[in-house]
Amino acid sequence: MLINEAADALNLSIASRDDIDTAMTTGVNYPKGLLKWADEIGVKSVDNQLKILHSNSDDDRYKSSPLLIKMVKENTTFYT
């Protein structure tokens, strides 16, 4: 999921939250940024979907970003 990649980019300080979302809205023409979208879907829901994908495929690209895991535990969002 692209949201997971965006969370990893933020976690690794590759880009800021706003820069990641701006890149997706202006560069890829998405209607909203991935991190804003994650907040709307719910970080916990994103994490749950990744767990399902990972368990079904055993593909490490579906492992939740450490930042997503932390956010689920702390019940936080990207835009608080």
C-alpha atoms as a PDB file:
ATOM      1  CA  MET A   1       0.000   0.000   0.000  1.00  0.00           C
ATOM      2  CA  LEU A   2       1.225   3.449  -0.830  1.00  0.00           C
ATOM      3  CA  ILE A   3       0.170   4.737   2.574  1.00  0.00           C
ATOM      4  CA  ASN A   4       2.655   2.371   4.187  1.00  0.00           C
ATOM      5  CA  GLU A   5       5.435   3.648   1.906  1.00  0.00           C
ATOM      6  CA  ALA A   6       4.498   7.231   2.752  1.00  0.00           C
ATOM      7  CA  ALA A   7       4.622   6.419   6.473  1.00  0.00           C
ATOM      8  CA  ASP A   8       8.052   4.851   5.996  1.00  0.00           C
ATOM      9  CA  ALA A   9       9.285   7.924   4.127  1.00  0.00           C
ATOM     10  CA  LEU A  10       8.111  10.115   6.987  1.00  0.00           C
ATOM     11  CA  ASN A  11       9.575   7.774   9.599  1.00  0.00           C
ATOM     12  CA  LEU A  12      12.959   7.788   7.833  1.00  0.00           C
ATOM     13  CA  SER A  13      12.870  11.600   7.530  1.00  0.00           C
ATOM     14  CA  ILE A  14      13.008  11.404   3.737  1.00  0.00           C
ATOM     15  CA  ALA A  15      10.381  14.119   3.520  1.00  0.00           C
ATOM     16  CA  SER A  16       8.008  15.989   5.779  1.00  0.00           C
ATOM     17  CA  ARG A  17       4.356  15.053   6.175  1.00  0.00           C
ATOM     18  CA  ASP A  18       3.274  18.045   4.123  1.00  0.00           C
ATOM     19  CA  ASP A  19       5.870  17.434   1.399  1.00  0.00           C
ATOM     20  CA  ILE A  20       4.775  13.798   1.023  1.00  0.00           C
ATOM     21  CA  ASP A  21       1.130  14.782   0.668  1.00  0.00           C
ATOM     22  CA  THR A  22       1.924  17.690  -1.660  1.00  0.00           C
ATOM     23  CA  ALA A  23       3.991  15.404  -3.892  1.00  0.00           C
ATOM     24  CA  MET A  24       1.046  13.053  -4.263  1.00  0.00           C
ATOM     25  CA  THR A  25      -1.541  15.756  -4.918  1.00  0.00           C
ATOM     26  CA  THR A  26       0.507  17.884  -7.306  1.00  0.00           C
ATOM     27  CA  GLY A  27       2.921  15.339  -8.767  1.00  0.00           C
ATOM     28  CA  VAL A  28       0.601  12.349  -9.178  1.00  0.00           C
ATOM     29  CA  ASN A  29      -2.686  14.259  -9.217  1.00  0.00           C
ATOM     30  CA  TYR A  30      -4.207  12.304  -6.339  1.00  0.00           C
ATOM     31  CA  PRO A  31      -7.261  14.052  -4.883  1.00  0.00           C
ATOM     32  CA  LYS A  32      -5.643  14.052  -1.425  1.00  0.00           C
ATOM     33  CA  GLY A  33      -2.340  13.180   0.146  1.00  0.00           C
ATOM     34  CA  LEU A  34      -1.647   9.651   1.320  1.00  0.00           C
ATOM     35  CA  LEU A  35      -1.159  10.622   4.956  1.00  0.00           C
ATOM     36  CA  LYS A  36      -4.331  12.687   4.980  1.00  0.00           C
ATOM     37  CA  TRP A  37      -6.100   9.746   3.376  1.00  0.00           C
ATOM     38  CA  ALA A  38      -4.709   7.434   6.078  1.00  0.00           C
ATOM     39  CA  ASP A  39      -6.229   9.678   8.732  1.00  0.00           C
ATOM     40  CA  GLU A  40      -9.603   9.539   6.989  1.00  0.00           C
ATOM     41  CA  ILE A  41      -9.505   5.749   6.633  1.00  0.00           C
ATOM     42  CA  GLY A  42      -8.064   5.367  10.105  1.00  0.00           C
ATOM     43  CA  VAL A  43      -4.488   4.412  10.896  1.00  0.00           C
ATOM     44  CA  LYS A  44      -5.706   1.297  12.698  1.00  0.00           C
ATOM     45  CA  SER A  45      -7.689   0.223   9.635  1.00  0.00           C
ATOM     46  CA  VAL A  46      -4.642   0.716   7.409  1.00  0.00           C
ATOM     47  CA  ASP A  47      -2.546  -1.349   9.826  1.00  0.00           C
ATOM     48  CA  ASN A  48      -5.186  -4.107   9.890  1.00  0.00           C
ATOM     49  CA  GLN A  49      -5.318  -4.262   6.094  1.00  0.00           C
ATOM     50  CA  LEU A  50      -1.531  -4.508   5.933  1.00  0.00           C
ATOM     51  CA  LYS A  51      -1.573  -7.368   8.437  1.00  0.00           C
ATOM     52  CA  ILE A  52      -4.064  -9.239   6.262  1.00  0.00           C
ATOM     53  CA  LEU A  53      -2.038  -8.632   3.113  1.00  0.00           C
ATOM     54  CA  HIS A  54       1.160  -9.702   4.838  1.00  0.00           C
ATOM     55  CA  SER A  55      -0.344 -12.873   6.283  1.00  0.00           C
ATOM     56  CA  ASN A  56      -1.854 -13.836   2.919  1.00  0.00           C
ATOM     57  CA  SER A  57       1.262 -13.136   0.870  1.00  0.00           C
ATOM     58  CA  ASP A  58       4.152 -13.379   3.342  1.00  0.00           C
ATOM     59  CA  ASP A  59       5.604 -10.452   1.399  1.00  0.00           C
ATOM     60  CA  ASP A  60       7.606  -8.083   3.597  1.00  0.00           C
ATOM     61  CA  ARG A  61       6.504  -5.037   1.634  1.00  0.00           C
ATOM     62  CA  TYR A  62       3.178  -5.437   3.431  1.00  0.00           C
ATOM     63  CA  LYS A  63       4.698  -5.262   6.911  1.00  0.00           C
ATOM     64  CA  SER A  64       3.378  -2.184   8.653  1.00  0.00           C
ATOM     65  CA  SER A  65       5.731   0.726   8.962  1.00  0.00           C
ATOM     66  CA  PRO A  66       7.136   1.110  12.474  1.00  0.00           C
ATOM     67  CA  LEU A  67       5.546   4.550  12.503  1.00  0.00           C
ATOM     68  CA  LEU A  68       2.085   3.105  11.744  1.00  0.00           C
ATOM     69  CA  ILE A  69       2.501   0.537  14.518  1.00  0.00           C
ATOM     70  CA  LYS A  70       3.517   3.273  16.957  1.00  0.00           C
ATOM     71  CA  MET A  71       0.606   5.462  15.913  1.00  0.00           C
ATOM     72  CA  VAL A  72      -1.894   2.639  16.424  1.00  0.00           C
ATOM     73  CA  LYS A  73      -0.524   1.998  19.920  1.00  0.00           C
ATOM     74  CA  GLU A  74      -0.632   5.701  20.792  1.00  0.00           C
ATOM     75  CA  ASN A  75      -3.966   6.290  19.018  1.00  0.00           C
ATOM     76  CA  THR A  76      -2.553   9.212  17.045  1.00  0.00           C
ATOM     77  CA  THR A  77      -2.984  10.499  13.504  1.00  0.00           C
ATOM     78  CA  PHE A  78      -0.736  12.237  10.985  1.00  0.00           C
ATOM     79  CA  TYR A  79      -2.713  15.462  11.186  1.00  0.00           C
ATOM     80  CA  THR A  80      -3.463  16.043  14.870  1.00  0.00           C
END
